[in-house]
Amino acid sequence: MHFVINGNEVGLDFDPRTSLLDLLREQRHLFGAKKGCNQGACGACTVLVNGTRINSCLALAVQYQDCEITTIEGLGEPGKLHPLQAAFVEHDGFQCGYCTPGQICSAIGMVQELKCGVPSYVSEDVAAEDFELTDMELRERMSGNLCRCGAYNGIVDAIQDTFGTAEPETEPKTLPSKREAA
């Protein structure tokens, strides 16, 4: 089967019952995504598939043939961190680091959801003129990612610092309030 993993085209043979998480870890040796609960409840296994965040422990790898899969290893490199990775360091958005890859991938996927106008329990209309990425909105959208160390305030600060102020076309800061964008 063919995949694009972190920008590299790869062909892989594997048991069709293999989860995407196990494929990434066991065949590609990409260990950023973690097997925390293996039930889709903790978010430690979050990766991006065509820009959408998924729990890779629940997904069969065969479902994602020909898709673009991005893990934490595909976002930055030694000496040149992705801006969100750098913000996690700056804001102490991690302690033990176990959940950090999933948190970062999830936050990047959340930004894509906001760009597409996906509502949440907090904000039904993200296209509204007065929409802002509030703490409550951010925490709701990131609620599928757990941190046992309790670094949530640093995580929220890092995400808001990275995505909360620039124009939508600017990467990676992509989430201004609608008032600022007008």
C-alpha atoms as a PDB file:
ATOM      1  CA  MET A   1       0.000   0.000   0.000  1.00  0.00           C
ATOM      2  CA  HIS A   2       1.111   3.535  -0.730  1.00  0.00           C
ATOM      3  CA  PHE A   3       1.225   6.418   1.759  1.00  0.00           C
ATOM      4  CA  VAL A   4       2.808   9.844   2.005  1.00  0.00           C
ATOM      5  CA  ILE A   5       4.247  10.012   5.523  1.00  0.00           C
ATOM      6  CA  ASN A   6       5.808  13.302   6.596  1.00  0.00           C
ATOM      7  CA  GLY A   7       6.252  14.268   2.958  1.00  0.00           C
ATOM      8  CA  ASN A   8       7.900  11.003   1.911  1.00  0.00           C
ATOM      9  CA  GLU A   9       6.178   8.567  -0.428  1.00  0.00           C
ATOM     10  CA  VAL A  10       6.366   5.054   0.962  1.00  0.00           C
ATOM     11  CA  GLY A  11       5.063   1.663  -0.059  1.00  0.00           C
ATOM     12  CA  LEU A  12       4.397  -0.761   2.769  1.00  0.00           C
ATOM     13  CA  ASP A  13       3.188  -4.322   3.183  1.00  0.00           C
ATOM     14  CA  PHE A  14       1.346  -5.086   6.416  1.00  0.00           C
ATOM     15  CA  ASP A  15      -1.457  -7.073   7.974  1.00  0.00           C
ATOM     16  CA  PRO A  16      -4.779  -5.354   7.095  1.00  0.00           C
ATOM     17  CA  ARG A  17      -5.720  -5.437  10.797  1.00  0.00           C
ATOM     18  CA  THR A  18      -2.813  -3.102  11.668  1.00  0.00           C
ATOM     19  CA  SER A  19      -3.731   0.218  13.231  1.00  0.00           C
ATOM     20  CA  LEU A  20      -2.238   3.365  11.763  1.00  0.00           C
ATOM     21  CA  LEU A  21      -0.469   3.931  15.087  1.00  0.00           C
ATOM     22  CA  ASP A  22       1.179   0.502  15.000  1.00  0.00           C
ATOM     23  CA  LEU A  23       2.177   0.993  11.357  1.00  0.00           C
ATOM     24  CA  LEU A  24       3.839   4.316  12.155  1.00  0.00           C
ATOM     25  CA  ARG A  25       5.623   3.025  15.235  1.00  0.00           C
ATOM     26  CA  GLU A  26       6.542  -0.523  14.201  1.00  0.00           C
ATOM     27  CA  GLN A  27       7.207  -0.197  10.472  1.00  0.00           C
ATOM     28  CA  ARG A  28       8.269   3.438  10.088  1.00  0.00           C
ATOM     29  CA  HIS A  29       9.944   3.818  13.520  1.00  0.00           C
ATOM     30  CA  LEU A  30       8.102   7.081  14.153  1.00  0.00           C
ATOM     31  CA  PHE A  31       7.683   7.033  17.904  1.00  0.00           C
ATOM     32  CA  GLY A  32       6.195  10.499  18.529  1.00  0.00           C
ATOM     33  CA  ALA A  33       2.587   9.289  18.515  1.00  0.00           C
ATOM     34  CA  LYS A  34       2.070   7.237  21.663  1.00  0.00           C
ATOM     35  CA  LYS A  35      -0.148   4.303  22.564  1.00  0.00           C
ATOM     36  CA  GLY A  36      -1.637   5.783  25.721  1.00  0.00           C
ATOM     37  CA  CYS A  37      -5.036   4.179  26.158  1.00  0.00           C
ATOM     38  CA  ASN A  38      -5.463   2.360  22.812  1.00  0.00           C
ATOM     39  CA  GLN A  39      -9.152   3.355  22.980  1.00  0.00           C
ATOM     40  CA  GLY A  40      -9.157   6.865  21.493  1.00  0.00           C
ATOM     41  CA  ALA A  41      -9.752   8.541  24.844  1.00  0.00           C
ATOM     42  CA  CYS A  42      -6.412  10.212  25.627  1.00  0.00           C
ATOM     43  CA  GLY A  43      -5.251  11.755  22.323  1.00  0.00           C
ATOM     44  CA  ALA A  44      -1.610  10.697  22.768  1.00  0.00           C
ATOM     45  CA  CYS A  45      -1.789   8.973  19.368  1.00  0.00           C
ATOM     46  CA  THR A  46      -3.101  12.012  17.450  1.00  0.00           C
ATOM     47  CA  VAL A  47      -1.685  12.468  13.945  1.00  0.00           C
ATOM     48  CA  LEU A  48      -2.839  14.456  10.926  1.00  0.00           C
ATOM     49  CA  VAL A  49      -4.326  12.764   7.862  1.00  0.00           C
ATOM     50  CA  ASN A  50      -4.725  15.194   4.972  1.00  0.00           C
ATOM     51  CA  GLY A  51      -4.640  17.958   7.604  1.00  0.00           C
ATOM     52  CA  THR A  52      -7.371  16.442   9.789  1.00  0.00           C
ATOM     53  CA  ARG A  53      -6.561  15.211  13.281  1.00  0.00           C
ATOM     54  CA  ILE A  54      -7.355  11.588  14.047  1.00  0.00           C
ATOM     55  CA  ASN A  55      -6.722   9.112  16.838  1.00  0.00           C
ATOM     56  CA  SER A  56      -4.363   6.752  15.046  1.00  0.00           C
ATOM     57  CA  CYS A  57      -4.908   3.971  17.592  1.00  0.00           C
ATOM     58  CA  LEU A  58      -8.508   3.596  16.372  1.00  0.00           C
ATOM     59  CA  ALA A  59      -7.794   3.832  12.645  1.00  0.00           C
ATOM     60  CA  LEU A  60      -6.916   0.901  10.444  1.00  0.00           C
ATOM     61  CA  ALA A  61      -3.927   1.815   8.300  1.00  0.00           C
ATOM     62  CA  VAL A  62      -5.629   0.415   5.169  1.00  0.00           C
ATOM     63  CA  GLN A  63      -8.200   3.222   5.417  1.00  0.00           C
ATOM     64  CA  TYR A  64      -5.538   5.793   4.638  1.00  0.00           C
ATOM     65  CA  GLN A  65      -3.937   4.453   1.478  1.00  0.00           C
ATOM     66  CA  ASP A  66      -2.709   7.339  -0.709  1.00  0.00           C
ATOM     67  CA  CYS A  67      -3.306   9.842   2.095  1.00  0.00           C
ATOM     68  CA  GLU A  68      -0.852  12.376   3.447  1.00  0.00           C
ATOM     69  CA  ILE A  69      -0.025  11.459   7.032  1.00  0.00           C
ATOM     70  CA  THR A  70       1.829  13.926   9.249  1.00  0.00           C
ATOM     71  CA  THR A  71       3.277  13.018  12.625  1.00  0.00           C
ATOM     72  CA  ILE A  72       5.149  15.226  15.067  1.00  0.00           C
ATOM     73  CA  GLU A  73       8.370  14.144  13.331  1.00  0.00           C
ATOM     74  CA  GLY A  74       7.134  15.821  10.137  1.00  0.00           C
ATOM     75  CA  LEU A  75       6.474  19.217  11.703  1.00  0.00           C
ATOM     76  CA  GLY A  76       9.920  20.373  12.725  1.00  0.00           C
ATOM     77  CA  GLU A  77      13.495  19.237  12.768  1.00  0.00           C
ATOM     78  CA  PRO A  78      16.408  19.522  15.174  1.00  0.00           C
ATOM     79  CA  GLY A  79      17.507  23.139  15.319  1.00  0.00           C
ATOM     80  CA  LYS A  80      14.404  24.317  13.442  1.00  0.00           C
ATOM     81  CA  LEU A  81      11.286  23.643  15.479  1.00  0.00           C
ATOM     82  CA  HIS A  82       7.785  24.247  14.172  1.00  0.00           C
ATOM     83  CA  PRO A  83       6.550  27.512  15.760  1.00  0.00           C
ATOM     84  CA  LEU A  84       4.058  25.598  17.917  1.00  0.00           C
ATOM     85  CA  GLN A  85       6.812  23.292  19.168  1.00  0.00           C
ATOM     86  CA  ALA A  86       8.890  26.348  20.087  1.00  0.00           C
ATOM     87  CA  ALA A  87       5.882  27.891  21.857  1.00  0.00           C
ATOM     88  CA  PHE A  88       5.404  24.704  23.897  1.00  0.00           C
ATOM     89  CA  VAL A  89       8.995  25.089  25.086  1.00  0.00           C
ATOM     90  CA  GLU A  90       8.590  28.817  25.766  1.00  0.00           C
ATOM     91  CA  HIS A  91       5.316  28.425  27.695  1.00  0.00           C
ATOM     92  CA  ASP A  92       6.240  25.205  29.497  1.00  0.00           C
ATOM     93  CA  GLY A  93       3.427  23.419  27.666  1.00  0.00           C
ATOM     94  CA  PHE A  94       4.875  20.052  28.556  1.00  0.00           C
ATOM     95  CA  GLN A  95       6.334  18.416  31.604  1.00  0.00           C
ATOM     96  CA  CYS A  96       7.002  14.741  31.007  1.00  0.00           C
ATOM     97  CA  GLY A  97       6.444  15.179  27.246  1.00  0.00           C
ATOM     98  CA  TYR A  98       4.391  12.012  26.752  1.00  0.00           C
ATOM     99  CA  CYS A  99       1.276  13.796  25.464  1.00  0.00           C
ATOM    100  CA  THR A 100       3.091  16.642  23.692  1.00  0.00           C
ATOM    101  CA  PRO A 101       3.238  15.145  20.154  1.00  0.00           C
ATOM    102  CA  GLY A 102      -0.496  14.442  20.238  1.00  0.00           C
ATOM    103  CA  GLN A 103      -1.262  17.859  21.722  1.00  0.00           C
ATOM    104  CA  ILE A 104       0.711  19.626  18.985  1.00  0.00           C
ATOM    105  CA  CYS A 105      -0.778  17.589  16.129  1.00  0.00           C
ATOM    106  CA  SER A 106      -4.244  18.098  17.592  1.00  0.00           C
ATOM    107  CA  ALA A 107      -3.761  21.866  17.856  1.00  0.00           C
ATOM    108  CA  ILE A 108      -2.665  22.063  14.221  1.00  0.00           C
ATOM    109  CA  GLY A 109      -5.720  20.012  13.221  1.00  0.00           C
ATOM    110  CA  MET A 110      -7.911  22.291  15.341  1.00  0.00           C
ATOM    111  CA  VAL A 111      -6.678  25.295  13.370  1.00  0.00           C
ATOM    112  CA  GLN A 112      -7.715  23.556  10.150  1.00  0.00           C
ATOM    113  CA  GLU A 113     -11.170  22.872  11.633  1.00  0.00           C
ATOM    114  CA  LEU A 114     -11.551  26.550  12.495  1.00  0.00           C
ATOM    115  CA  LYS A 115     -10.543  27.560   8.959  1.00  0.00           C
ATOM    116  CA  CYS A 116     -13.262  25.226   7.659  1.00  0.00           C
ATOM    117  CA  GLY A 117     -15.874  26.641  10.046  1.00  0.00           C
ATOM    118  CA  VAL A 118     -16.355  23.490  12.123  1.00  0.00           C
ATOM    119  CA  PRO A 119     -18.514  24.462  15.135  1.00  0.00           C
ATOM    120  CA  SER A 120     -17.976  23.385  18.733  1.00  0.00           C
ATOM    121  CA  TYR A 121     -20.107  23.140  21.859  1.00  0.00           C
ATOM    122  CA  VAL A 122     -18.819  26.581  22.829  1.00  0.00           C
ATOM    123  CA  SER A 123     -19.177  28.401  19.486  1.00  0.00           C
ATOM    124  CA  GLU A 124     -21.771  27.397  16.949  1.00  0.00           C
ATOM    125  CA  ASP A 125     -20.739  30.005  14.382  1.00  0.00           C
ATOM    126  CA  VAL A 126     -16.987  30.310  13.958  1.00  0.00           C
ATOM    127  CA  ALA A 127     -17.607  32.511  10.906  1.00  0.00           C
ATOM    128  CA  ALA A 128     -19.355  35.143  13.043  1.00  0.00           C
ATOM    129  CA  GLU A 129     -17.843  38.616  13.021  1.00  0.00           C
ATOM    130  CA  ASP A 130     -17.232  38.484  16.768  1.00  0.00           C
ATOM    131  CA  PHE A 131     -15.668  34.997  16.925  1.00  0.00           C
ATOM    132  CA  GLU A 132     -12.567  34.790  19.097  1.00  0.00           C
ATOM    133  CA  LEU A 133     -10.462  31.825  20.097  1.00  0.00           C
ATOM    134  CA  THR A 134     -11.171  32.146  23.814  1.00  0.00           C
ATOM    135  CA  ASP A 135      -9.664  29.970  26.528  1.00  0.00           C
ATOM    136  CA  MET A 136     -12.996  28.172  26.857  1.00  0.00           C
ATOM    137  CA  GLU A 137     -13.233  27.567  23.087  1.00  0.00           C
ATOM    138  CA  LEU A 138      -9.663  26.317  22.924  1.00  0.00           C
ATOM    139  CA  ARG A 139     -10.049  24.027  25.925  1.00  0.00           C
ATOM    140  CA  GLU A 140     -13.244  22.536  24.457  1.00  0.00           C
ATOM    141  CA  ARG A 141     -11.603  21.897  21.099  1.00  0.00           C
ATOM    142  CA  MET A 142      -8.547  20.330  22.753  1.00  0.00           C
ATOM    143  CA  SER A 143     -10.551  18.279  25.270  1.00  0.00           C
ATOM    144  CA  GLY A 144      -9.759  15.035  23.448  1.00  0.00           C
ATOM    145  CA  ASN A 145      -6.120  15.368  24.461  1.00  0.00           C
ATOM    146  CA  LEU A 146      -5.291  14.597  28.067  1.00  0.00           C
ATOM    147  CA  CYS A 147      -2.209  15.647  30.018  1.00  0.00           C
ATOM    148  CA  ARG A 148      -1.555  13.665  33.187  1.00  0.00           C
ATOM    149  CA  CYS A 149       0.944  16.276  34.379  1.00  0.00           C
ATOM    150  CA  GLY A 150      -1.648  19.058  34.244  1.00  0.00           C
ATOM    151  CA  ALA A 151       0.265  21.376  31.917  1.00  0.00           C
ATOM    152  CA  TYR A 152      -2.985  22.676  30.395  1.00  0.00           C
ATOM    153  CA  ASN A 153      -2.356  26.365  31.098  1.00  0.00           C
ATOM    154  CA  GLY A 154       0.994  26.217  29.304  1.00  0.00           C
ATOM    155  CA  ILE A 155      -0.565  24.262  26.430  1.00  0.00           C
ATOM    156  CA  VAL A 156      -3.343  26.851  26.015  1.00  0.00           C
ATOM    157  CA  ASP A 157      -0.836  29.718  26.212  1.00  0.00           C
ATOM    158  CA  ALA A 158       1.393  28.077  23.583  1.00  0.00           C
ATOM    159  CA  ILE A 159      -1.497  27.526  21.176  1.00  0.00           C
ATOM    160  CA  GLN A 160      -2.846  31.043  21.622  1.00  0.00           C
ATOM    161  CA  ASP A 161       0.627  32.535  21.229  1.00  0.00           C
ATOM    162  CA  THR A 162       1.172  30.620  17.993  1.00  0.00           C
ATOM    163  CA  PHE A 163      -2.233  30.862  16.345  1.00  0.00           C
ATOM    164  CA  GLY A 164      -4.080  33.690  18.031  1.00  0.00           C
ATOM    165  CA  THR A 165      -2.949  36.956  16.461  1.00  0.00           C
ATOM    166  CA  ALA A 166      -2.025  37.009  12.755  1.00  0.00           C
ATOM    167  CA  GLU A 167      -3.919  37.110   9.477  1.00  0.00           C
ATOM    168  CA  PRO A 168      -5.539  33.845   8.276  1.00  0.00           C
ATOM    169  CA  GLU A 169      -3.215  33.519   5.279  1.00  0.00           C
ATOM    170  CA  THR A 170      -0.110  33.866   7.428  1.00  0.00           C
ATOM    171  CA  GLU A 171       1.495  30.624   8.542  1.00  0.00           C
ATOM    172  CA  PRO A 172       1.561  29.413  11.216  1.00  0.00           C
ATOM    173  CA  LYS A 173      -0.333  32.178  13.042  1.00  0.00           C
ATOM    174  CA  THR A 174      -3.755  31.733  11.510  1.00  0.00           C
ATOM    175  CA  LEU A 175      -6.502  32.524  14.005  1.00  0.00           C
ATOM    176  CA  PRO A 176      -7.260  36.225  14.400  1.00  0.00           C
ATOM    177  CA  SER A 177     -10.571  37.304  15.814  1.00  0.00           C
ATOM    178  CA  LYS A 178     -13.006  38.145  13.024  1.00  0.00           C
ATOM    179  CA  ARG A 179     -12.934  41.791  14.152  1.00  0.00           C
ATOM    180  CA  GLU A 180      -9.168  41.968  13.565  1.00  0.00           C
ATOM    181  CA  ALA A 181      -9.447  40.308  10.150  1.00  0.00           C
ATOM    182  CA  ALA A 182     -12.131  42.727   8.909  1.00  0.00           C
END
